[in-house]
Amino acid sequence: MVGHLDERRCVELNGRKASVSLESDFWECLEQIALRSGTTLARLVEDIGGDAVKDDLAALLRVFVLTYYQERGNLLLPGAGKSDIIEGVFPPNLPDRRSYH
C-alpha cells in the first residue's frame, strides 16, 4: 500500500512548534516540491500552514500536494513510488476540474 507508513514530524508555525503526522509518500512529495521551488521543507510547510490550527495542518498539506500535482498534469498512481510519477496521464473517466468552478 502506498503511503501506509505514518511519519510524525515536528514543524514550526508562527513561532510555535507543532507535530504533524502524514503518510511517508506525502512527506516525500513535499520534499520534492520544496526542492523544485528552491526552498526548504520547513519554509514550505510554514507557507502552506500559515495561520492554520495544528489539527488542520495535515489536511492542508495533503490538499496542497494533490493540487500541486494535478495542476502540473502529474498523477501519483496507486502502488507507485516517488520515482513513478506519470506526467500528463489521467484516468479516462476523470471529469474536467474546471467544470467545478
Foldseek 3Di string as FASTA:
>chain_A
DALPDWDWDWADEPNDIAIDIGRPQLVVLLCVVCVVVVHHSRVSLRVQCHVPDRVCSRVSSVVVSVVVQVVQQWDDDVPDHPVPIDHNDDPPPDDDPVVVD
